[in-house]
């Protein structure tokens, strides 16, 4: 059977190649596990390596990203503001490379979890020996579904938060981020939603491009 004109016109096209992606987290605990599970959920057909770089401070993470960026098309650095003294410097260093995107949470990644349950602009600061992040986690653990939350032991957290809770966080986070910028007060806010949205974009069928 003869090939159609449409099929002939497409014979010189191929699917757009997927970008290679590196995601660097501050730790190997709940945040890394959550993002691992998120990439699996969206069936991201890309080389996503969610890696702990051996550094736990924002500056160290960005510096590691700069050293490793040649092997990747995009690099995401997931960092917390919390009480890190190198946070602002890290944001400046990240601007050296267009490949690097900073996914920042104020005060910490757990604010993204909190948004699954409520919309809030309550700020967090350190008190005594408790950091701003510690205090947010204390609030998070008052929620019935999160009473047993622990940074080091939350496998399955992504799956447990899917559904209406997940969509609530995805809708709330960009609104809060916009408010934070307008008010010049980033605490609290998070851009984790940007990475989640990027995973979802990668999961969609890629367009055809000509050879």
C-alpha atoms as a PDB file:
ATOM      1  CA  UNK A   1       0.000   0.000   0.000  1.00  0.00           C
ATOM      2  CA  UNK A   2       1.326   3.424  -0.904  1.00  0.00           C
ATOM      3  CA  UNK A   3       2.224   5.737   1.969  1.00  0.00           C
ATOM      4  CA  UNK A   4       0.000   8.768   2.416  1.00  0.00           C
ATOM      5  CA  UNK A   5       1.179  12.300   1.765  1.00  0.00           C
ATOM      6  CA  UNK A   6       0.930  12.982   5.488  1.00  0.00           C
ATOM      7  CA  UNK A   7       3.150  10.038   6.433  1.00  0.00           C
ATOM      8  CA  UNK A   8       5.670  11.038   3.775  1.00  0.00           C
ATOM      9  CA  UNK A   9       5.770  14.586   5.074  1.00  0.00           C
ATOM     10  CA  UNK A  10       6.535  13.271   8.542  1.00  0.00           C
ATOM     11  CA  UNK A  11       9.230  10.842   7.480  1.00  0.00           C
ATOM     12  CA  UNK A  12      11.926  13.417   8.090  1.00  0.00           C
ATOM     13  CA  UNK A  13      10.749  14.237  11.618  1.00  0.00           C
ATOM     14  CA  UNK A  14      11.705  12.750  14.953  1.00  0.00           C
ATOM     15  CA  UNK A  15      10.658  13.204  18.548  1.00  0.00           C
ATOM     16  CA  UNK A  16      12.254  16.037  20.447  1.00  0.00           C
ATOM     17  CA  UNK A  17      14.969  14.592  22.726  1.00  0.00           C
ATOM     18  CA  UNK A  18      14.325  14.731  26.450  1.00  0.00           C
ATOM     19  CA  UNK A  19      16.624  16.959  28.475  1.00  0.00           C
ATOM     20  CA  UNK A  20      18.984  15.483  31.045  1.00  0.00           C
ATOM     21  CA  UNK A  21      18.097  16.717  34.516  1.00  0.00           C
ATOM     22  CA  UNK A  22      19.929  16.841  37.840  1.00  0.00           C
ATOM     23  CA  UNK A  23      18.113  17.620  41.072  1.00  0.00           C
ATOM     24  CA  UNK A  24      20.318  18.224  44.113  1.00  0.00           C
ATOM     25  CA  UNK A  25      18.715  18.145  47.573  1.00  0.00           C
ATOM     26  CA  UNK A  26      20.083  19.278  50.928  1.00  0.00           C
ATOM     27  CA  UNK A  27      19.724  15.838  52.466  1.00  0.00           C
ATOM     28  CA  UNK A  28      18.909  12.214  51.696  1.00  0.00           C
ATOM     29  CA  UNK A  29      15.819  12.234  53.864  1.00  0.00           C
ATOM     30  CA  UNK A  30      12.150  13.059  53.237  1.00  0.00           C
ATOM     31  CA  UNK A  31      12.646  15.795  50.632  1.00  0.00           C
ATOM     32  CA  UNK A  32      14.760  13.560  48.399  1.00  0.00           C
ATOM     33  CA  UNK A  33      12.366  10.635  48.817  1.00  0.00           C
ATOM     34  CA  UNK A  34       9.391  12.873  47.991  1.00  0.00           C
ATOM     35  CA  UNK A  35      11.000  14.133  44.783  1.00  0.00           C
ATOM     36  CA  UNK A  36      12.106  10.629  43.804  1.00  0.00           C
ATOM     37  CA  UNK A  37       8.491   9.505  44.126  1.00  0.00           C
ATOM     38  CA  UNK A  38       7.196  12.584  42.286  1.00  0.00           C
ATOM     39  CA  UNK A  39       9.431  11.888  39.280  1.00  0.00           C
ATOM     40  CA  UNK A  40       8.202   8.283  39.207  1.00  0.00           C
ATOM     41  CA  UNK A  41       4.577   9.378  39.495  1.00  0.00           C
ATOM     42  CA  UNK A  42       4.844  11.672  36.477  1.00  0.00           C
ATOM     43  CA  UNK A  43       6.808   9.021  34.586  1.00  0.00           C
ATOM     44  CA  UNK A  44       9.419  11.569  33.689  1.00  0.00           C
ATOM     45  CA  UNK A  45      11.148  10.208  30.615  1.00  0.00           C
ATOM     46  CA  UNK A  46      14.390  11.992  31.280  1.00  0.00           C
ATOM     47  CA  UNK A  47      17.667  11.378  33.058  1.00  0.00           C
ATOM     48  CA  UNK A  48      16.589  12.655  36.428  1.00  0.00           C
ATOM     49  CA  UNK A  49      19.198  12.117  39.114  1.00  0.00           C
ATOM     50  CA  UNK A  50      18.049  13.272  42.507  1.00  0.00           C
ATOM     51  CA  UNK A  51      21.346  13.398  44.307  1.00  0.00           C
ATOM     52  CA  UNK A  52      22.743  14.231  47.714  1.00  0.00           C
ATOM     53  CA  UNK A  53      26.008  16.018  46.973  1.00  0.00           C
ATOM     54  CA  UNK A  54      27.568  15.666  50.423  1.00  0.00           C
ATOM     55  CA  UNK A  55      26.870  19.309  51.227  1.00  0.00           C
ATOM     56  CA  UNK A  56      24.070  20.462  53.520  1.00  0.00           C
ATOM     57  CA  UNK A  57      24.490  24.219  53.193  1.00  0.00           C
ATOM     58  CA  UNK A  58      22.994  26.206  50.286  1.00  0.00           C
ATOM     59  CA  UNK A  59      26.348  27.555  49.107  1.00  0.00           C
ATOM     60  CA  UNK A  60      27.872  24.085  48.995  1.00  0.00           C
ATOM     61  CA  UNK A  61      24.929  22.764  46.988  1.00  0.00           C
ATOM     62  CA  UNK A  62      25.157  25.550  44.397  1.00  0.00           C
ATOM     63  CA  UNK A  63      28.921  25.120  44.091  1.00  0.00           C
ATOM     64  CA  UNK A  64      28.411  21.388  43.507  1.00  0.00           C
ATOM     65  CA  UNK A  65      25.833  22.213  40.822  1.00  0.00           C
ATOM     66  CA  UNK A  66      28.300  24.492  39.032  1.00  0.00           C
ATOM     67  CA  UNK A  67      30.895  21.722  38.998  1.00  0.00           C
ATOM     68  CA  UNK A  68      28.488  19.107  37.632  1.00  0.00           C
ATOM     69  CA  UNK A  69      26.366  21.172  35.236  1.00  0.00           C
ATOM     70  CA  UNK A  70      28.283  20.252  32.046  1.00  0.00           C
ATOM     71  CA  UNK A  71      26.730  16.775  32.053  1.00  0.00           C
ATOM     72  CA  UNK A  72      23.151  18.080  32.229  1.00  0.00           C
ATOM     73  CA  UNK A  73      20.746  20.360  30.361  1.00  0.00           C
ATOM     74  CA  UNK A  74      19.084  21.606  33.553  1.00  0.00           C
ATOM     75  CA  UNK A  75      20.126  21.539  37.207  1.00  0.00           C
ATOM     76  CA  UNK A  76      17.707  22.186  40.063  1.00  0.00           C
ATOM     77  CA  UNK A  77      19.027  22.982  43.542  1.00  0.00           C
ATOM     78  CA  UNK A  78      16.466  22.363  46.282  1.00  0.00           C
ATOM     79  CA  UNK A  79      17.494  24.452  49.292  1.00  0.00           C
ATOM     80  CA  UNK A  80      16.014  25.769  52.541  1.00  0.00           C
ATOM     81  CA  UNK A  81      16.349  29.286  53.904  1.00  0.00           C
ATOM     82  CA  UNK A  82      15.984  28.239  57.554  1.00  0.00           C
ATOM     83  CA  UNK A  83      18.934  29.705  59.503  1.00  0.00           C
ATOM     84  CA  UNK A  84      21.601  29.092  56.845  1.00  0.00           C
ATOM     85  CA  UNK A  85      24.095  31.955  56.795  1.00  0.00           C
ATOM     86  CA  UNK A  86      25.165  31.155  53.217  1.00  0.00           C
ATOM     87  CA  UNK A  87      21.661  31.277  51.716  1.00  0.00           C
ATOM     88  CA  UNK A  88      21.793  34.772  50.167  1.00  0.00           C
ATOM     89  CA  UNK A  89      25.309  34.187  48.849  1.00  0.00           C
ATOM     90  CA  UNK A  90      24.128  30.918  47.296  1.00  0.00           C
ATOM     91  CA  UNK A  91      21.380  32.714  45.355  1.00  0.00           C
ATOM     92  CA  UNK A  92      23.955  35.119  43.926  1.00  0.00           C
ATOM     93  CA  UNK A  93      26.346  32.326  42.934  1.00  0.00           C
ATOM     94  CA  UNK A  94      23.513  30.447  41.198  1.00  0.00           C
ATOM     95  CA  UNK A  95      23.051  33.370  38.820  1.00  0.00           C
ATOM     96  CA  UNK A  96      26.394  32.519  37.191  1.00  0.00           C
ATOM     97  CA  UNK A  97      24.765  29.741  35.180  1.00  0.00           C
ATOM     98  CA  UNK A  98      21.546  29.833  33.113  1.00  0.00           C
ATOM     99  CA  UNK A  99      21.321  26.050  33.542  1.00  0.00           C
ATOM    100  CA  UNK A 100      20.816  26.289  37.301  1.00  0.00           C
ATOM    101  CA  UNK A 101      17.410  26.894  38.856  1.00  0.00           C
ATOM    102  CA  UNK A 102      17.024  27.343  42.603  1.00  0.00           C
ATOM    103  CA  UNK A 103      13.998  25.749  44.254  1.00  0.00           C
ATOM    104  CA  UNK A 104      13.906  27.628  47.538  1.00  0.00           C
ATOM    105  CA  UNK A 105      11.692  27.123  50.560  1.00  0.00           C
ATOM    106  CA  UNK A 106      11.269  29.573  53.434  1.00  0.00           C
ATOM    107  CA  UNK A 107      11.913  28.416  56.032  1.00  0.00           C
ATOM    108  CA  UNK A 108      12.140  24.811  54.802  1.00  0.00           C
ATOM    109  CA  UNK A 109      10.874  22.146  52.376  1.00  0.00           C
ATOM    110  CA  UNK A 110       8.222  21.109  54.895  1.00  0.00           C
ATOM    111  CA  UNK A 111       6.282  24.299  54.137  1.00  0.00           C
ATOM    112  CA  UNK A 112       5.323  22.579  50.860  1.00  0.00           C
ATOM    113  CA  UNK A 113       3.839  19.717  52.913  1.00  0.00           C
ATOM    114  CA  UNK A 114       1.961  22.175  55.128  1.00  0.00           C
ATOM    115  CA  UNK A 115       0.298  23.699  52.067  1.00  0.00           C
ATOM    116  CA  UNK A 116      -1.359  20.364  51.346  1.00  0.00           C
ATOM    117  CA  UNK A 117      -3.561  21.051  54.372  1.00  0.00           C
ATOM    118  CA  UNK A 118      -3.996  24.827  54.594  1.00  0.00           C
ATOM    119  CA  UNK A 119      -3.257  28.199  53.043  1.00  0.00           C
ATOM    120  CA  UNK A 120      -1.073  30.215  55.401  1.00  0.00           C
ATOM    121  CA  UNK A 121       1.291  33.159  55.470  1.00  0.00           C
ATOM    122  CA  UNK A 122       2.338  32.653  59.065  1.00  0.00           C
ATOM    123  CA  UNK A 123       6.056  33.426  59.277  1.00  0.00           C
ATOM    124  CA  UNK A 124       8.542  31.302  61.209  1.00  0.00           C
ATOM    125  CA  UNK A 125      11.613  32.449  63.125  1.00  0.00           C
ATOM    126  CA  UNK A 126      14.080  30.697  65.384  1.00  0.00           C
ATOM    127  CA  UNK A 127      13.428  30.705  69.138  1.00  0.00           C
ATOM    128  CA  UNK A 128      16.037  29.402  71.541  1.00  0.00           C
ATOM    129  CA  UNK A 129      17.468  26.140  70.246  1.00  0.00           C
ATOM    130  CA  UNK A 130      14.606  25.665  67.772  1.00  0.00           C
ATOM    131  CA  UNK A 131      15.320  26.888  64.246  1.00  0.00           C
ATOM    132  CA  UNK A 132      12.636  28.389  62.022  1.00  0.00           C
ATOM    133  CA  UNK A 133      12.414  25.040  60.234  1.00  0.00           C
ATOM    134  CA  UNK A 134      12.060  23.171  63.532  1.00  0.00           C
ATOM    135  CA  UNK A 135       9.141  25.366  64.508  1.00  0.00           C
ATOM    136  CA  UNK A 136       7.371  24.827  61.189  1.00  0.00           C
ATOM    137  CA  UNK A 137       7.764  21.064  61.559  1.00  0.00           C
ATOM    138  CA  UNK A 138       6.233  21.341  65.030  1.00  0.00           C
ATOM    139  CA  UNK A 139       3.187  23.005  63.446  1.00  0.00           C
ATOM    140  CA  UNK A 140       3.106  20.398  60.686  1.00  0.00           C
ATOM    141  CA  UNK A 141       2.959  17.602  63.258  1.00  0.00           C
ATOM    142  CA  UNK A 142      -0.194  19.066  64.825  1.00  0.00           C
ATOM    143  CA  UNK A 143      -2.071  17.973  61.666  1.00  0.00           C
ATOM    144  CA  UNK A 144      -3.665  14.532  62.223  1.00  0.00           C
ATOM    145  CA  UNK A 145      -2.244  13.059  59.002  1.00  0.00           C
ATOM    146  CA  UNK A 146       1.270  14.267  59.861  1.00  0.00           C
ATOM    147  CA  UNK A 147       1.626  13.542  63.586  1.00  0.00           C
ATOM    148  CA  UNK A 148       4.278  10.910  62.944  1.00  0.00           C
ATOM    149  CA  UNK A 149       6.252  12.969  60.440  1.00  0.00           C
ATOM    150  CA  UNK A 150      10.005  12.519  60.631  1.00  0.00           C
ATOM    151  CA  UNK A 151      12.611  13.842  58.202  1.00  0.00           C
ATOM    152  CA  UNK A 152      14.336  10.495  58.130  1.00  0.00           C
ATOM    153  CA  UNK A 153      11.389   8.131  57.799  1.00  0.00           C
ATOM    154  CA  UNK A 154       8.645   9.173  55.389  1.00  0.00           C
ATOM    155  CA  UNK A 155       8.590   6.723  52.519  1.00  0.00           C
ATOM    156  CA  UNK A 156       5.247   6.847  50.766  1.00  0.00           C
ATOM    157  CA  UNK A 157       4.587  10.456  51.763  1.00  0.00           C
ATOM    158  CA  UNK A 158       4.113  11.588  48.164  1.00  0.00           C
ATOM    159  CA  UNK A 159       1.474   8.922  47.517  1.00  0.00           C
ATOM    160  CA  UNK A 160      -0.312   9.692  50.785  1.00  0.00           C
ATOM    161  CA  UNK A 161      -0.660  13.369  49.828  1.00  0.00           C
ATOM    162  CA  UNK A 162      -1.930  12.850  46.280  1.00  0.00           C
ATOM    163  CA  UNK A 163      -5.437  13.940  45.314  1.00  0.00           C
ATOM    164  CA  UNK A 164      -7.192  17.013  46.673  1.00  0.00           C
ATOM    165  CA  UNK A 165      -4.385  17.770  49.140  1.00  0.00           C
ATOM    166  CA  UNK A 166      -1.796  17.740  46.366  1.00  0.00           C
ATOM    167  CA  UNK A 167      -3.849  20.021  44.149  1.00  0.00           C
ATOM    168  CA  UNK A 168      -4.424  22.377  47.089  1.00  0.00           C
ATOM    169  CA  UNK A 169      -0.660  22.743  47.541  1.00  0.00           C
ATOM    170  CA  UNK A 170      -0.106  23.275  43.811  1.00  0.00           C
ATOM    171  CA  UNK A 171      -2.720  26.035  43.753  1.00  0.00           C
ATOM    172  CA  UNK A 172      -1.682  27.673  47.021  1.00  0.00           C
ATOM    173  CA  UNK A 173       2.107  27.743  46.563  1.00  0.00           C
ATOM    174  CA  UNK A 174       2.285  30.064  43.501  1.00  0.00           C
ATOM    175  CA  UNK A 175      -0.255  32.448  45.036  1.00  0.00           C
ATOM    176  CA  UNK A 176       1.718  32.637  48.271  1.00  0.00           C
ATOM    177  CA  UNK A 177       4.956  33.056  46.344  1.00  0.00           C
ATOM    178  CA  UNK A 178       3.458  35.979  44.436  1.00  0.00           C
ATOM    179  CA  UNK A 179       2.248  37.561  47.686  1.00  0.00           C
ATOM    180  CA  UNK A 180       5.677  37.067  49.263  1.00  0.00           C
ATOM    181  CA  UNK A 181       7.396  38.903  46.408  1.00  0.00           C
ATOM    182  CA  UNK A 182       4.850  41.731  46.471  1.00  0.00           C
ATOM    183  CA  UNK A 183       5.252  42.151  50.236  1.00  0.00           C
ATOM    184  CA  UNK A 184       9.045  41.685  50.105  1.00  0.00           C
ATOM    185  CA  UNK A 185       8.697  39.008  52.774  1.00  0.00           C
ATOM    186  CA  UNK A 186       9.532  35.527  51.545  1.00  0.00           C
ATOM    187  CA  UNK A 187       8.902  33.824  54.882  1.00  0.00           C
ATOM    188  CA  UNK A 188       6.963  31.622  54.389  1.00  0.00           C
ATOM    189  CA  UNK A 189       6.915  30.573  50.743  1.00  0.00           C
ATOM    190  CA  UNK A 190       8.229  27.866  48.446  1.00  0.00           C
ATOM    191  CA  UNK A 191       8.867  27.259  44.762  1.00  0.00           C
ATOM    192  CA  UNK A 192       8.692  23.456  44.966  1.00  0.00           C
ATOM    193  CA  UNK A 193       5.617  23.755  42.747  1.00  0.00           C
ATOM    194  CA  UNK A 194       7.888  24.886  39.880  1.00  0.00           C
ATOM    195  CA  UNK A 195       9.800  21.601  39.987  1.00  0.00           C
ATOM    196  CA  UNK A 196       6.582  19.586  40.230  1.00  0.00           C
ATOM    197  CA  UNK A 197       5.181  21.459  37.226  1.00  0.00           C
ATOM    198  CA  UNK A 198       8.398  20.809  35.308  1.00  0.00           C
ATOM    199  CA  UNK A 199       8.129  17.075  36.000  1.00  0.00           C
ATOM    200  CA  UNK A 200       4.579  17.159  34.682  1.00  0.00           C
ATOM    201  CA  UNK A 201       5.658  19.010  31.528  1.00  0.00           C
ATOM    202  CA  UNK A 202       8.327  16.396  30.849  1.00  0.00           C
ATOM    203  CA  UNK A 203       5.773  13.615  31.217  1.00  0.00           C
ATOM    204  CA  UNK A 204       3.710  14.997  28.326  1.00  0.00           C
ATOM    205  CA  UNK A 205       4.353  13.653  24.777  1.00  0.00           C
ATOM    206  CA  UNK A 206       7.214  15.571  23.191  1.00  0.00           C
ATOM    207  CA  UNK A 207       6.574  17.387  19.907  1.00  0.00           C
ATOM    208  CA  UNK A 208       8.049  16.242  16.632  1.00  0.00           C
ATOM    209  CA  UNK A 209      10.969  18.183  15.215  1.00  0.00           C
ATOM    210  CA  UNK A 210      12.521  18.050  11.756  1.00  0.00           C
ATOM    211  CA  UNK A 211      15.873  16.369  11.336  1.00  0.00           C
END
